[in-house]
Amino acid sequence: MLLTVTSSGGGGGDLTGVVISQVYGGGGNSGATLRNDFIELFNPGSTAISLDGASVQYTSSTGTTWQVTALSGSIPAQGYYLVQQAAGTGGSQDLPTPDAIGTIAMAGANGKVALVGSTTALSGACPIGGAASIADFVGYGTANCFEGSGAASALSNTTAAFRLGDGCTDTDVNSADFTTGAPAPRNSAS
């Protein structure tokens, strides 16, 4: 399903350029090294961007009910912002110090993640349109909504989705912009 994403000027301020750079839902699952799921953001711009009032949101690959983690502070220029999510019962390593903490238990293989310019929960399986305030969107695995012509590859307990170019590649086609590899979370101090 094609999703056209526009940058938001909503509650989170101007999120232009900020992208979801890494997604990992296998934290704490069998075989996982890391204890927590996480969502990583990247700012390819030359100035810091405020995330106050913005959120990251998640739902399952076919889900319609979105879970919200509010963001605060700013993401540095050419920098990352790490959002820690729920922990599983396995794993042996903590994440680097997160910039925000949520409680969302993400699925290990398939799902949908959005960066939104407000903390109002999205609705529907594929929340497109101006009211959604979506700054970036990633569907992976068997997700029924994604940017462009295809979803990013399915993940596992030992793989994360990485945006190519250390977060700089953004053609608005999830299948072309992301690859998979061992999770390597980066925070604002990275």
C-alpha atoms as a PDB file:
ATOM      1  CA  MET A   1       0.000   0.000   0.000  1.00  0.00           C
ATOM      2  CA  LEU A   2       1.475   3.341  -1.019  1.00  0.00           C
ATOM      3  CA  LEU A   3       1.829   5.927   1.721  1.00  0.00           C
ATOM      4  CA  THR A   4       2.846   9.471   0.967  1.00  0.00           C
ATOM      5  CA  VAL A   5       4.328  11.164   4.017  1.00  0.00           C
ATOM      6  CA  THR A   6       4.537  14.894   4.528  1.00  0.00           C
ATOM      7  CA  SER A   7       6.598  16.671   7.151  1.00  0.00           C
ATOM      8  CA  SER A   8       4.719  17.906  10.147  1.00  0.00           C
ATOM      9  CA  GLY A   9       4.555  21.373  11.524  1.00  0.00           C
ATOM     10  CA  GLY A  10       2.190  20.196  14.283  1.00  0.00           C
ATOM     11  CA  GLY A  11       2.645  20.012  18.046  1.00  0.00           C
ATOM     12  CA  GLY A  12       6.200  18.734  17.825  1.00  0.00           C
ATOM     13  CA  GLY A  13       7.388  21.752  15.891  1.00  0.00           C
ATOM     14  CA  ASP A  14       9.089  21.462  12.542  1.00  0.00           C
ATOM     15  CA  LEU A  15      10.301  17.865  12.220  1.00  0.00           C
ATOM     16  CA  THR A  16      11.476  18.391   8.631  1.00  0.00           C
ATOM     17  CA  GLY A  17      14.262  15.970   7.837  1.00  0.00           C
ATOM     18  CA  VAL A  18      14.076  13.915  11.043  1.00  0.00           C
ATOM     19  CA  VAL A  19      13.728  10.242  10.153  1.00  0.00           C
ATOM     20  CA  ILE A  20      13.304   6.892  11.822  1.00  0.00           C
ATOM     21  CA  SER A  21      16.807   5.463  11.424  1.00  0.00           C
ATOM     22  CA  GLN A  22      16.568   2.112  13.214  1.00  0.00           C
ATOM     23  CA  VAL A  23      13.779  -0.156  14.501  1.00  0.00           C
ATOM     24  CA  TYR A  24      14.207  -3.217  16.726  1.00  0.00           C
ATOM     25  CA  GLY A  25      11.402  -5.289  18.247  1.00  0.00           C
ATOM     26  CA  GLY A  26      13.260  -8.408  19.427  1.00  0.00           C
ATOM     27  CA  GLY A  27      14.554  -7.019  22.730  1.00  0.00           C
ATOM     28  CA  GLY A  28      14.487  -9.560  25.535  1.00  0.00           C
ATOM     29  CA  ASN A  29      13.174 -12.324  23.281  1.00  0.00           C
ATOM     30  CA  SER A  30      14.795 -15.754  22.913  1.00  0.00           C
ATOM     31  CA  GLY A  31      18.261 -15.395  21.388  1.00  0.00           C
ATOM     32  CA  ALA A  32      18.329 -11.604  21.735  1.00  0.00           C
ATOM     33  CA  THR A  33      21.388  -9.862  23.147  1.00  0.00           C
ATOM     34  CA  LEU A  34      19.577  -6.626  24.022  1.00  0.00           C
ATOM     35  CA  ARG A  35      16.966  -6.503  26.792  1.00  0.00           C
ATOM     36  CA  ASN A  36      14.741  -3.817  25.226  1.00  0.00           C
ATOM     37  CA  ASP A  37      12.977  -2.980  21.991  1.00  0.00           C
ATOM     38  CA  PHE A  38      13.859   0.458  20.605  1.00  0.00           C
ATOM     39  CA  ILE A  39      13.206   3.086  17.953  1.00  0.00           C
ATOM     40  CA  GLU A  40      16.067   5.332  16.868  1.00  0.00           C
ATOM     41  CA  LEU A  41      15.690   8.724  15.167  1.00  0.00           C
ATOM     42  CA  PHE A  42      18.250  10.662  13.103  1.00  0.00           C
ATOM     43  CA  ASN A  43      18.540  14.369  12.283  1.00  0.00           C
ATOM     44  CA  PRO A  44      20.575  14.820   9.087  1.00  0.00           C
ATOM     45  CA  GLY A  45      20.290  18.611   9.298  1.00  0.00           C
ATOM     46  CA  SER A  46      22.750  21.257  10.442  1.00  0.00           C
ATOM     47  CA  THR A  47      20.744  22.466  13.480  1.00  0.00           C
ATOM     48  CA  ALA A  48      19.190  20.759  16.490  1.00  0.00           C
ATOM     49  CA  ILE A  49      15.443  20.106  16.234  1.00  0.00           C
ATOM     50  CA  SER A  50      13.016  20.179  19.157  1.00  0.00           C
ATOM     51  CA  LEU A  51      10.989  17.019  19.697  1.00  0.00           C
ATOM     52  CA  ASP A  52       8.816  18.547  22.431  1.00  0.00           C
ATOM     53  CA  GLY A  53       5.205  17.591  21.739  1.00  0.00           C
ATOM     54  CA  ALA A  54       6.127  14.930  19.157  1.00  0.00           C
ATOM     55  CA  SER A  55       5.852  11.148  19.526  1.00  0.00           C
ATOM     56  CA  VAL A  56       6.832   7.807  18.100  1.00  0.00           C
ATOM     57  CA  GLN A  57       3.938   5.416  17.580  1.00  0.00           C
ATOM     58  CA  TYR A  58       3.714   1.676  16.945  1.00  0.00           C
ATOM     59  CA  THR A  59       1.139  -0.882  15.912  1.00  0.00           C
ATOM     60  CA  SER A  60       1.334  -4.457  14.684  1.00  0.00           C
ATOM     61  CA  SER A  61       1.669  -5.265  10.985  1.00  0.00           C
ATOM     62  CA  THR A  62      -2.115  -5.234  10.471  1.00  0.00           C
ATOM     63  CA  GLY A  63      -3.037  -3.229  13.571  1.00  0.00           C
ATOM     64  CA  THR A  64      -5.326  -0.217  13.760  1.00  0.00           C
ATOM     65  CA  THR A  65      -4.743   0.802  17.394  1.00  0.00           C
ATOM     66  CA  TRP A  66      -1.570   2.851  17.807  1.00  0.00           C
ATOM     67  CA  GLN A  67       0.520   2.999  20.994  1.00  0.00           C
ATOM     68  CA  VAL A  68       2.217   6.330  21.741  1.00  0.00           C
ATOM     69  CA  THR A  69       5.530   7.296  23.353  1.00  0.00           C
ATOM     70  CA  ALA A  70       5.837  11.054  23.915  1.00  0.00           C
ATOM     71  CA  LEU A  71       9.185  12.671  23.132  1.00  0.00           C
ATOM     72  CA  SER A  72      10.905  15.653  24.737  1.00  0.00           C
ATOM     73  CA  GLY A  73      14.116  17.589  24.398  1.00  0.00           C
ATOM     74  CA  SER A  74      15.905  17.938  21.099  1.00  0.00           C
ATOM     75  CA  ILE A  75      17.764  15.829  18.586  1.00  0.00           C
ATOM     76  CA  PRO A  76      21.204  17.236  17.787  1.00  0.00           C
ATOM     77  CA  ALA A  77      22.317  18.216  14.291  1.00  0.00           C
ATOM     78  CA  GLN A  78      23.732  15.163  12.505  1.00  0.00           C
ATOM     79  CA  GLY A  79      22.722  13.230  15.624  1.00  0.00           C
ATOM     80  CA  TYR A  80      20.585  10.399  16.916  1.00  0.00           C
ATOM     81  CA  TYR A  81      17.803  10.110  19.510  1.00  0.00           C
ATOM     82  CA  LEU A  82      17.136   6.741  21.173  1.00  0.00           C
ATOM     83  CA  VAL A  83      13.661   5.735  22.349  1.00  0.00           C
ATOM     84  CA  GLN A  84      13.776   2.697  24.631  1.00  0.00           C
ATOM     85  CA  GLN A  85      10.660   0.543  24.592  1.00  0.00           C
ATOM     86  CA  ALA A  86       9.524  -2.515  26.579  1.00  0.00           C
ATOM     87  CA  ALA A  87      11.877  -5.158  27.941  1.00  0.00           C
ATOM     88  CA  GLY A  88      11.472  -8.884  27.511  1.00  0.00           C
ATOM     89  CA  THR A  89      12.634 -11.556  29.939  1.00  0.00           C
ATOM     90  CA  GLY A  90      15.819 -12.409  28.025  1.00  0.00           C
ATOM     91  CA  GLY A  91      18.823 -10.554  26.728  1.00  0.00           C
ATOM     92  CA  SER A  92      22.027  -9.735  28.542  1.00  0.00           C
ATOM     93  CA  GLN A  93      22.766  -6.127  27.539  1.00  0.00           C
ATOM     94  CA  ASP A  94      21.093  -2.839  28.369  1.00  0.00           C
ATOM     95  CA  LEU A  95      20.680  -0.186  25.704  1.00  0.00           C
ATOM     96  CA  PRO A  96      22.894   2.905  25.800  1.00  0.00           C
ATOM     97  CA  THR A  97      21.285   5.635  27.923  1.00  0.00           C
ATOM     98  CA  PRO A  98      17.977   6.355  26.160  1.00  0.00           C
ATOM     99  CA  ASP A  99      16.804   9.859  25.304  1.00  0.00           C
ATOM    100  CA  ALA A 100      13.171   8.824  25.932  1.00  0.00           C
ATOM    101  CA  ILE A 101      11.552   5.780  27.527  1.00  0.00           C
ATOM    102  CA  GLY A 102       8.313   4.113  26.497  1.00  0.00           C
ATOM    103  CA  THR A 103       6.544   0.891  27.406  1.00  0.00           C
ATOM    104  CA  ILE A 104       5.557  -0.434  23.980  1.00  0.00           C
ATOM    105  CA  ALA A 105       6.148  -4.163  23.446  1.00  0.00           C
ATOM    106  CA  MET A 106       6.982  -4.263  19.751  1.00  0.00           C
ATOM    107  CA  ALA A 107       6.730  -7.437  17.673  1.00  0.00           C
ATOM    108  CA  GLY A 108      10.059  -8.986  16.747  1.00  0.00           C
ATOM    109  CA  ALA A 109       9.420  -9.507  13.016  1.00  0.00           C
ATOM    110  CA  ASN A 110       6.661  -7.286  11.604  1.00  0.00           C
ATOM    111  CA  GLY A 111       5.095  -3.926  12.432  1.00  0.00           C
ATOM    112  CA  LYS A 112       4.560  -0.250  11.698  1.00  0.00           C
ATOM    113  CA  VAL A 113       6.319   2.719  13.323  1.00  0.00           C
ATOM    114  CA  ALA A 114       5.542   6.408  12.831  1.00  0.00           C
ATOM    115  CA  LEU A 115       7.217   9.647  13.880  1.00  0.00           C
ATOM    116  CA  VAL A 116       4.356  12.055  14.538  1.00  0.00           C
ATOM    117  CA  GLY A 117       4.285  15.800  15.201  1.00  0.00           C
ATOM    118  CA  SER A 118       1.841  15.396  18.099  1.00  0.00           C
ATOM    119  CA  THR A 119       1.033  12.954  20.884  1.00  0.00           C
ATOM    120  CA  THR A 120      -2.445  12.217  19.559  1.00  0.00           C
ATOM    121  CA  ALA A 121      -2.703   8.529  18.684  1.00  0.00           C
ATOM    122  CA  LEU A 122      -3.003   7.721  15.003  1.00  0.00           C
ATOM    123  CA  SER A 123      -5.999   5.664  13.911  1.00  0.00           C
ATOM    124  CA  GLY A 124      -6.562   3.071  11.240  1.00  0.00           C
ATOM    125  CA  ALA A 125      -4.343   0.543   9.525  1.00  0.00           C
ATOM    126  CA  CYS A 126      -2.763   3.091   7.179  1.00  0.00           C
ATOM    127  CA  PRO A 127      -3.151   6.592   8.660  1.00  0.00           C
ATOM    128  CA  ILE A 128      -2.592   8.858   5.690  1.00  0.00           C
ATOM    129  CA  GLY A 129      -3.735  12.435   5.237  1.00  0.00           C
ATOM    130  CA  GLY A 130      -2.894  15.885   6.548  1.00  0.00           C
ATOM    131  CA  ALA A 131      -4.504  15.368   9.952  1.00  0.00           C
ATOM    132  CA  ALA A 132      -2.076  12.577  10.806  1.00  0.00           C
ATOM    133  CA  SER A 133       0.966  14.913  11.180  1.00  0.00           C
ATOM    134  CA  ILE A 134       3.257  12.051  10.165  1.00  0.00           C
ATOM    135  CA  ALA A 135       6.896  13.135   9.710  1.00  0.00           C
ATOM    136  CA  ASP A 136       8.194   9.634   8.881  1.00  0.00           C
ATOM    137  CA  PHE A 137       6.768   6.133   8.630  1.00  0.00           C
ATOM    138  CA  VAL A 138       8.268   2.640   8.436  1.00  0.00           C
ATOM    139  CA  GLY A 139       6.380  -0.561   7.705  1.00  0.00           C
ATOM    140  CA  TYR A 140       8.451  -3.739   7.975  1.00  0.00           C
ATOM    141  CA  GLY A 141       7.929  -7.431   7.388  1.00  0.00           C
ATOM    142  CA  THR A 142       4.309  -8.190   6.525  1.00  0.00           C
ATOM    143  CA  ALA A 143       3.111  -4.642   7.354  1.00  0.00           C
ATOM    144  CA  ASN A 144      -0.006  -3.644   5.423  1.00  0.00           C
ATOM    145  CA  CYS A 145       1.142  -0.008   5.244  1.00  0.00           C
ATOM    146  CA  PHE A 146       4.544   1.407   4.309  1.00  0.00           C
ATOM    147  CA  GLU A 147       6.232   4.197   2.381  1.00  0.00           C
ATOM    148  CA  GLY A 148       6.557   3.595  -1.352  1.00  0.00           C
ATOM    149  CA  SER A 149       6.210   0.294  -3.167  1.00  0.00           C
ATOM    150  CA  GLY A 150       7.174  -2.136  -0.409  1.00  0.00           C
ATOM    151  CA  ALA A 151       7.825  -2.673   3.270  1.00  0.00           C
ATOM    152  CA  ALA A 152      11.289  -3.010   4.775  1.00  0.00           C
ATOM    153  CA  SER A 153      12.400  -6.610   5.324  1.00  0.00           C
ATOM    154  CA  ALA A 154      11.110  -8.686   8.221  1.00  0.00           C
ATOM    155  CA  LEU A 155      13.207  -8.521  11.389  1.00  0.00           C
ATOM    156  CA  SER A 156      14.131 -11.131  13.985  1.00  0.00           C
ATOM    157  CA  ASN A 157      15.248 -11.298  17.605  1.00  0.00           C
ATOM    158  CA  THR A 158      18.801 -10.699  16.360  1.00  0.00           C
ATOM    159  CA  THR A 159      18.201  -8.165  13.561  1.00  0.00           C
ATOM    160  CA  ALA A 160      17.064  -4.548  13.350  1.00  0.00           C
ATOM    161  CA  ALA A 161      15.973  -2.428  10.389  1.00  0.00           C
ATOM    162  CA  PHE A 162      18.618   0.201   9.556  1.00  0.00           C
ATOM    163  CA  ARG A 163      18.082   3.210   7.317  1.00  0.00           C
ATOM    164  CA  LEU A 164      20.895   3.222   4.758  1.00  0.00           C
ATOM    165  CA  GLY A 165      23.584   5.915   4.733  1.00  0.00           C
ATOM    166  CA  ASP A 166      23.711   6.015   8.563  1.00  0.00           C
ATOM    167  CA  GLY A 167      20.200   7.469   8.461  1.00  0.00           C
ATOM    168  CA  CYS A 168      20.646   9.811   5.487  1.00  0.00           C
ATOM    169  CA  THR A 169      18.943   7.745   2.756  1.00  0.00           C
ATOM    170  CA  ASP A 170      15.300   8.797   2.461  1.00  0.00           C
ATOM    171  CA  THR A 171      13.671   8.067  -0.897  1.00  0.00           C
ATOM    172  CA  ASP A 172      10.296   7.427   0.787  1.00  0.00           C
ATOM    173  CA  VAL A 173      10.432   3.747  -0.213  1.00  0.00           C
ATOM    174  CA  ASN A 174      10.845   1.543   2.877  1.00  0.00           C
ATOM    175  CA  SER A 175      12.021  -1.494   0.900  1.00  0.00           C
ATOM    176  CA  ALA A 176      14.811   0.573  -0.710  1.00  0.00           C
ATOM    177  CA  ASP A 177      15.766   2.757   2.273  1.00  0.00           C
ATOM    178  CA  PHE A 178      16.281   0.020   4.884  1.00  0.00           C
ATOM    179  CA  THR A 179      18.491  -3.011   5.330  1.00  0.00           C
ATOM    180  CA  THR A 180      18.761  -5.455   8.242  1.00  0.00           C
ATOM    181  CA  GLY A 181      21.654  -6.187  10.569  1.00  0.00           C
ATOM    182  CA  ALA A 182      22.584  -6.751  14.196  1.00  0.00           C
ATOM    183  CA  PRO A 183      20.971  -4.030  16.337  1.00  0.00           C
ATOM    184  CA  ALA A 184      23.320  -1.143  17.147  1.00  0.00           C
ATOM    185  CA  PRO A 185      21.364   1.531  19.057  1.00  0.00           C
ATOM    186  CA  ARG A 186      22.695   5.095  19.041  1.00  0.00           C
ATOM    187  CA  ASN A 187      21.624   7.934  21.344  1.00  0.00           C
ATOM    188  CA  SER A 188      22.125  11.711  21.397  1.00  0.00           C
ATOM    189  CA  ALA A 189      25.634  11.233  22.817  1.00  0.00           C
ATOM    190  CA  SER A 190      26.664   8.965  19.907  1.00  0.00           C
END
